[in-house]
Amino acid sequence: MKSNFKEVKVEIDPEVGVGLAKLVEGENVSLHLAVATGKLREHYHKQRDEIYIILEGEGVLTINGKEIRVKPGDVILIPKGSKHSIKPLDKELKFLFASAPPFNPKEDRFFTN
């Protein structure tokens, strides 16, 4: 499976504060393009780890109450069970995120508020 994240269109979900587009998926991992224009609500995953790779913009990623300023080139591991949210400091924040096992928001995304 092949895709190009520069050619993918992402629609923002106003309820969540971010738009997602699946780029590739295998049996054990998936990779997505995310675009945040507002704060992504705090949430956690019981069954999967995530890795964020910041592409464009700057923001603040909060993991278990600790704020981390992020910029293009940063790579961040978010272990399963960690409460996390991200907020752009610019108009929008673009990042890739890998999920292992593959991302399924209906089954493994739990909002804290």
N, C-alpha and C. Protein backbone atom coordinates (compact mmCIF):
# COMPACT_ATOMS: atom_id res chain seq x y z
N MET A 1 0.85 -1.18 0.00
CA MET A 1 0.00 0.00 0.00
C MET A 1 0.90 1.24 0.00
N LYS A 2 0.55 2.21 -0.84
CA LYS A 2 1.33 3.45 -0.95
C LYS A 2 0.38 4.64 -0.91
N SER A 3 0.83 5.71 -0.27
CA SER A 3 0.11 6.99 -0.31
C SER A 3 1.13 8.11 -0.15
N ASN A 4 0.68 9.34 -0.40
CA ASN A 4 1.55 10.51 -0.29
C ASN A 4 0.85 11.51 0.62
N PHE A 5 1.43 11.77 1.80
CA PHE A 5 0.74 12.64 2.75
C PHE A 5 0.61 14.08 2.25
N LYS A 6 1.41 14.48 1.28
CA LYS A 6 1.30 15.83 0.73
C LYS A 6 0.10 15.97 -0.20
N GLU A 7 -0.46 14.85 -0.64
CA GLU A 7 -1.59 14.86 -1.57
C GLU A 7 -2.92 14.51 -0.91
N VAL A 8 -2.90 14.19 0.37
CA VAL A 8 -4.11 13.76 1.07
C VAL A 8 -4.90 14.96 1.57
N LYS A 9 -6.20 14.92 1.39
CA LYS A 9 -7.08 15.97 1.90
C LYS A 9 -7.61 15.54 3.27
N VAL A 10 -7.54 16.44 4.23
CA VAL A 10 -7.98 16.15 5.59
C VAL A 10 -9.13 17.07 5.94
N GLU A 11 -10.24 16.49 6.41
CA GLU A 11 -11.39 17.28 6.86
C GLU A 11 -11.38 17.32 8.38
N ILE A 12 -11.51 18.53 8.92
CA ILE A 12 -11.46 18.73 10.37
C ILE A 12 -12.79 18.31 10.99
N ASP A 13 -12.72 17.53 12.07
CA ASP A 13 -13.89 17.17 12.87
C ASP A 13 -13.98 18.18 14.01
N PRO A 14 -14.95 19.12 13.95
CA PRO A 14 -15.01 20.18 14.96
C PRO A 14 -15.26 19.66 16.38
N GLU A 15 -15.88 18.51 16.51
CA GLU A 15 -16.14 17.94 17.84
C GLU A 15 -14.85 17.49 18.52
N VAL A 16 -13.89 17.05 17.72
CA VAL A 16 -12.63 16.53 18.25
C VAL A 16 -11.52 17.58 18.18
N GLY A 17 -11.59 18.51 17.21
CA GLY A 17 -10.56 19.54 17.06
C GLY A 17 -9.44 19.18 16.14
N VAL A 18 -9.60 18.08 15.41
CA VAL A 18 -8.55 17.61 14.51
C VAL A 18 -9.17 16.83 13.36
N GLY A 19 -8.47 16.80 12.25
CA GLY A 19 -8.87 15.97 11.12
C GLY A 19 -7.83 14.89 10.91
N LEU A 20 -8.27 13.71 10.49
CA LEU A 20 -7.38 12.58 10.30
C LEU A 20 -7.57 11.96 8.93
N ALA A 21 -6.49 11.48 8.35
CA ALA A 21 -6.55 10.73 7.10
C ALA A 21 -5.60 9.54 7.22
N LYS A 22 -6.14 8.34 7.01
CA LYS A 22 -5.30 7.14 7.06
C LYS A 22 -4.43 7.10 5.82
N LEU A 23 -3.13 6.89 6.02
CA LEU A 23 -2.18 6.80 4.91
C LEU A 23 -1.90 5.35 4.54
N VAL A 24 -1.55 4.54 5.52
CA VAL A 24 -1.31 3.11 5.30
C VAL A 24 -1.71 2.35 6.56
N GLU A 25 -2.04 1.08 6.36
CA GLU A 25 -2.38 0.23 7.50
C GLU A 25 -1.94 -1.19 7.24
N GLY A 26 -1.34 -1.78 8.25
CA GLY A 26 -0.96 -3.19 8.21
C GLY A 26 -1.66 -3.92 9.34
N GLU A 27 -1.30 -5.15 9.53
CA GLU A 27 -1.93 -5.95 10.58
C GLU A 27 -1.63 -5.40 11.98
N ASN A 28 -0.43 -4.83 12.17
CA ASN A 28 -0.01 -4.42 13.51
C ASN A 28 0.22 -2.93 13.70
N VAL A 29 0.10 -2.14 12.64
CA VAL A 29 0.39 -0.71 12.75
C VAL A 29 -0.37 0.06 11.68
N SER A 30 -0.67 1.32 11.97
CA SER A 30 -1.24 2.22 10.95
C SER A 30 -0.54 3.56 11.05
N LEU A 31 -0.56 4.30 9.93
CA LEU A 31 0.05 5.63 9.88
C LEU A 31 -0.99 6.59 9.33
N HIS A 32 -1.12 7.76 9.98
CA HIS A 32 -2.15 8.74 9.64
C HIS A 32 -1.54 10.13 9.55
N LEU A 33 -2.18 10.98 8.76
CA LEU A 33 -1.89 12.40 8.74
C LEU A 33 -2.95 13.08 9.60
N ALA A 34 -2.51 13.94 10.51
CA ALA A 34 -3.44 14.68 11.36
C ALA A 34 -3.21 16.17 11.16
N VAL A 35 -4.31 16.92 11.16
CA VAL A 35 -4.26 18.38 11.08
C VAL A 35 -5.11 18.91 12.22
N ALA A 36 -4.49 19.66 13.13
CA ALA A 36 -5.20 20.25 14.26
C ALA A 36 -5.34 21.74 14.02
N THR A 37 -6.57 22.23 14.09
CA THR A 37 -6.83 23.66 14.00
C THR A 37 -7.32 24.21 15.33
N GLY A 38 -7.70 23.34 16.21
CA GLY A 38 -8.12 23.68 17.56
C GLY A 38 -7.53 22.64 18.49
N LYS A 39 -7.81 22.77 19.78
CA LYS A 39 -7.25 21.83 20.74
C LYS A 39 -7.92 20.47 20.58
N LEU A 40 -7.10 19.44 20.42
CA LEU A 40 -7.59 18.06 20.43
C LEU A 40 -7.90 17.70 21.87
N ARG A 41 -9.15 17.32 22.12
CA ARG A 41 -9.59 17.03 23.49
C ARG A 41 -8.74 15.94 24.14
N GLU A 42 -8.54 16.08 25.45
CA GLU A 42 -7.75 15.09 26.17
C GLU A 42 -8.42 13.72 26.08
N HIS A 43 -7.60 12.71 25.81
CA HIS A 43 -8.10 11.35 25.67
C HIS A 43 -6.97 10.37 25.95
N TYR A 44 -7.31 9.10 25.95
CA TYR A 44 -6.30 8.05 26.12
C TYR A 44 -6.74 6.81 25.36
N HIS A 45 -5.81 5.89 25.22
CA HIS A 45 -6.05 4.63 24.52
C HIS A 45 -5.62 3.50 25.44
N LYS A 46 -6.48 2.51 25.62
CA LYS A 46 -6.16 1.38 26.50
C LYS A 46 -5.26 0.36 25.83
N GLN A 47 -5.31 0.28 24.49
CA GLN A 47 -4.68 -0.84 23.82
C GLN A 47 -3.57 -0.47 22.85
N ARG A 48 -3.19 0.80 22.74
CA ARG A 48 -2.20 1.11 21.71
C ARG A 48 -1.29 2.27 22.09
N ASP A 49 -0.08 2.19 21.56
CA ASP A 49 0.89 3.28 21.65
C ASP A 49 0.76 4.14 20.40
N GLU A 50 1.14 5.40 20.52
CA GLU A 50 1.18 6.29 19.36
C GLU A 50 2.54 6.97 19.30
N ILE A 51 2.95 7.29 18.09
CA ILE A 51 4.14 8.11 17.86
C ILE A 51 3.71 9.28 17.00
N TYR A 52 3.97 10.51 17.46
CA TYR A 52 3.67 11.72 16.70
C TYR A 52 4.97 12.22 16.07
N ILE A 53 4.89 12.62 14.79
CA ILE A 53 6.01 13.23 14.08
C ILE A 53 5.52 14.57 13.57
N ILE A 54 6.01 15.66 14.12
CA ILE A 54 5.52 16.99 13.79
C ILE A 54 6.09 17.41 12.44
N LEU A 55 5.18 17.81 11.53
CA LEU A 55 5.57 18.21 10.17
C LEU A 55 5.59 19.72 9.99
N GLU A 56 4.49 20.39 10.39
CA GLU A 56 4.34 21.84 10.17
C GLU A 56 3.66 22.47 11.38
N GLY A 57 4.08 23.68 11.70
CA GLY A 57 3.47 24.43 12.79
C GLY A 57 4.12 24.09 14.12
N GLU A 58 3.72 24.86 15.12
CA GLU A 58 4.18 24.62 16.49
C GLU A 58 2.97 24.42 17.36
N GLY A 59 3.16 23.71 18.47
CA GLY A 59 2.04 23.44 19.35
C GLY A 59 2.50 23.03 20.72
N VAL A 60 1.51 22.72 21.55
CA VAL A 60 1.77 22.22 22.90
C VAL A 60 1.07 20.87 23.02
N LEU A 61 1.86 19.85 23.28
CA LEU A 61 1.37 18.50 23.52
C LEU A 61 1.39 18.27 25.02
N THR A 62 0.28 17.85 25.58
CA THR A 62 0.20 17.57 27.01
C THR A 62 0.05 16.06 27.19
N ILE A 63 0.95 15.47 27.95
CA ILE A 63 0.91 14.03 28.25
C ILE A 63 0.90 13.87 29.76
N ASN A 64 -0.20 13.31 30.28
CA ASN A 64 -0.35 13.10 31.73
C ASN A 64 -0.04 14.37 32.52
N GLY A 65 -0.56 15.50 32.02
CA GLY A 65 -0.42 16.78 32.70
C GLY A 65 0.86 17.54 32.43
N LYS A 66 1.82 16.93 31.74
CA LYS A 66 3.09 17.60 31.44
C LYS A 66 3.03 18.21 30.05
N GLU A 67 3.25 19.53 29.96
CA GLU A 67 3.23 20.23 28.67
C GLU A 67 4.59 20.14 27.99
N ILE A 68 4.55 19.82 26.70
CA ILE A 68 5.76 19.73 25.88
C ILE A 68 5.55 20.59 24.65
N ARG A 69 6.40 21.58 24.45
CA ARG A 69 6.30 22.40 23.24
C ARG A 69 6.87 21.61 22.07
N VAL A 70 6.12 21.56 20.95
CA VAL A 70 6.55 20.77 19.79
C VAL A 70 6.70 21.66 18.56
N LYS A 71 7.63 21.23 17.67
CA LYS A 71 7.90 21.97 16.44
C LYS A 71 8.26 20.96 15.36
N PRO A 72 8.33 21.39 14.09
CA PRO A 72 8.66 20.47 13.01
C PRO A 72 9.96 19.70 13.29
N GLY A 73 9.89 18.40 13.04
CA GLY A 73 11.03 17.52 13.27
C GLY A 73 10.96 16.75 14.57
N ASP A 74 10.13 17.20 15.51
CA ASP A 74 10.02 16.50 16.79
C ASP A 74 9.28 15.17 16.62
N VAL A 75 9.74 14.17 17.36
CA VAL A 75 9.13 12.84 17.38
C VAL A 75 8.82 12.51 18.84
N ILE A 76 7.57 12.15 19.12
CA ILE A 76 7.13 11.95 20.49
C ILE A 76 6.43 10.61 20.61
N LEU A 77 6.78 9.83 21.64
CA LEU A 77 6.10 8.58 21.94
C LEU A 77 5.03 8.84 22.99
N ILE A 78 3.82 8.34 22.73
CA ILE A 78 2.73 8.43 23.69
C ILE A 78 2.33 7.00 24.04
N PRO A 79 2.77 6.50 25.21
CA PRO A 79 2.47 5.12 25.59
C PRO A 79 0.98 4.91 25.86
N LYS A 80 0.51 3.69 25.64
CA LYS A 80 -0.90 3.39 25.90
C LYS A 80 -1.22 3.73 27.35
N GLY A 81 -2.45 4.20 27.56
CA GLY A 81 -2.90 4.60 28.88
C GLY A 81 -2.58 6.03 29.25
N SER A 82 -1.75 6.72 28.47
CA SER A 82 -1.37 8.10 28.77
C SER A 82 -2.47 9.06 28.32
N LYS A 83 -2.90 9.93 29.22
CA LYS A 83 -3.86 10.97 28.85
C LYS A 83 -3.10 12.03 28.07
N HIS A 84 -3.64 12.40 26.90
CA HIS A 84 -2.91 13.36 26.07
C HIS A 84 -3.86 14.24 25.26
N SER A 85 -3.35 15.42 24.92
CA SER A 85 -4.05 16.37 24.06
C SER A 85 -2.98 17.18 23.35
N ILE A 86 -3.39 17.83 22.26
CA ILE A 86 -2.44 18.69 21.54
C ILE A 86 -3.17 19.94 21.08
N LYS A 87 -2.47 21.06 21.14
CA LYS A 87 -3.05 22.35 20.77
C LYS A 87 -2.08 23.08 19.86
N PRO A 88 -2.55 23.54 18.69
CA PRO A 88 -1.66 24.31 17.82
C PRO A 88 -1.42 25.70 18.38
N LEU A 89 -0.21 26.21 18.19
CA LEU A 89 0.09 27.60 18.53
C LEU A 89 0.01 28.46 17.28
N ASP A 90 0.06 27.83 16.12
CA ASP A 90 -0.10 28.49 14.84
C ASP A 90 -1.53 28.24 14.36
N LYS A 91 -1.84 28.68 13.15
CA LYS A 91 -3.17 28.47 12.57
C LYS A 91 -3.53 27.00 12.55
N GLU A 92 -2.56 26.16 12.18
CA GLU A 92 -2.79 24.72 12.21
C GLU A 92 -1.48 24.00 12.49
N LEU A 93 -1.61 22.79 12.94
CA LEU A 93 -0.49 21.93 13.26
C LEU A 93 -0.67 20.63 12.50
N LYS A 94 0.32 20.27 11.67
CA LYS A 94 0.26 19.03 10.90
C LYS A 94 1.27 18.04 11.47
N PHE A 95 0.80 16.81 11.65
CA PHE A 95 1.71 15.78 12.14
C PHE A 95 1.27 14.41 11.65
N LEU A 96 2.26 13.53 11.53
CA LEU A 96 1.98 12.14 11.25
C LEU A 96 1.84 11.45 12.59
N PHE A 97 0.95 10.45 12.65
CA PHE A 97 0.98 9.62 13.84
C PHE A 97 0.86 8.16 13.46
N ALA A 98 1.73 7.40 14.09
CA ALA A 98 1.72 5.95 13.93
C ALA A 98 1.03 5.35 15.14
N SER A 99 0.26 4.31 14.90
CA SER A 99 -0.48 3.65 15.96
C SER A 99 -0.22 2.15 15.91
N ALA A 100 0.13 1.56 17.05
CA ALA A 100 0.33 0.12 17.12
C ALA A 100 -0.39 -0.41 18.36
N PRO A 101 -1.41 -1.24 18.16
CA PRO A 101 -1.97 -1.73 16.90
C PRO A 101 -2.68 -0.61 16.13
N PRO A 102 -3.22 -0.91 14.94
CA PRO A 102 -3.84 0.11 14.10
C PRO A 102 -4.93 0.90 14.83
N PHE A 103 -5.03 2.18 14.47
CA PHE A 103 -5.98 3.11 15.07
C PHE A 103 -7.41 2.75 14.74
N ASN A 104 -8.24 2.66 15.77
CA ASN A 104 -9.68 2.47 15.61
C ASN A 104 -10.36 3.33 16.67
N PRO A 105 -10.73 4.58 16.32
CA PRO A 105 -11.25 5.50 17.33
C PRO A 105 -12.56 5.04 17.97
N LYS A 106 -13.34 4.25 17.27
CA LYS A 106 -14.62 3.80 17.83
C LYS A 106 -14.42 2.78 18.94
N GLU A 107 -13.30 2.06 18.90
CA GLU A 107 -13.06 1.02 19.90
C GLU A 107 -12.03 1.40 20.96
N ASP A 108 -11.14 2.33 20.67
CA ASP A 108 -10.05 2.60 21.61
C ASP A 108 -9.64 4.06 21.63
N ARG A 109 -10.62 4.94 21.87
CA ARG A 109 -10.32 6.36 22.14
C ARG A 109 -11.33 6.79 23.19
N PHE A 110 -10.83 7.17 24.36
CA PHE A 110 -11.68 7.51 25.49
C PHE A 110 -11.37 8.94 25.92
N PHE A 111 -12.37 9.83 25.79
CA PHE A 111 -12.20 11.23 26.17
C PHE A 111 -12.36 11.37 27.68
N THR A 112 -11.57 12.26 28.26
CA THR A 112 -11.62 12.48 29.71
C THR A 112 -12.57 13.61 30.09
N ASN A 113 -13.00 14.41 29.11
CA ASN A 113 -13.93 15.51 29.40
C ASN A 113 -14.94 15.67 28.31
